[in-house]
Amino acid sequence: MMKKITIFLILLFTIFSSNKSFSAQIKIEAFGMDKYFNYDVEKGRQFLTYSNEGLFMTDIGINGVVECKGIIEVIKGTTSSNIMCKYTEGNGDMFYAQFFVQRGSISEDATVQSFEFVSGTGRWAEMIGQKCIGAYTPMQQKRFMWQGNCEMSNKTLERVKNYKKPE
């Protein structure tokens, strides 16, 4: 357990300490439960369907629920994925984000993914096309923790943060 947390923290430090030309960012955290269905295709090759349900929080005070579904394939220790997640905040606004493993493997303690906002309503429409990075760590009893970081201009952050849903 301690090893997983240490690896997760190292991955987060690496992700968030990289220098980019953007001056603002949103951090998103999610926690929940994973479900896998696994095909052992042959030695050294697995194909999995993946889903999860959980809660998300942002560092700008927006919270809600998240649900993901997708596929994961492991060939000779190399993991690839295509996972789509739907995030819904308390006021009903939502966004879809698509995730791809960049580093790590499901057989290891953590993975780093790139993800992109592919659609959204309300404040999240501002984020469509935004590319971000995240770190996923599986936990005991089919639980997970995840943290993502999206860098953007100050103006975009202010529009997302200060969005008022029309009545």
Foldseek 3Di string as FASTA:
>chain_A
DVVLVVVQVVVVCVQVVDDDPFDDKKKKKWKWFKDWDWDCPDVQKIKIKIKIKTKMAIPLGWIFIKIKIWMWMTHNRDIWIWMKMWTATPVGKIWIKIWIWDDDDPVDFKTKIKIATCDIDFLCNLRHGFIWMKMKGADPPRMIMMMIMTGDHPVSVCSSSVTDDDD
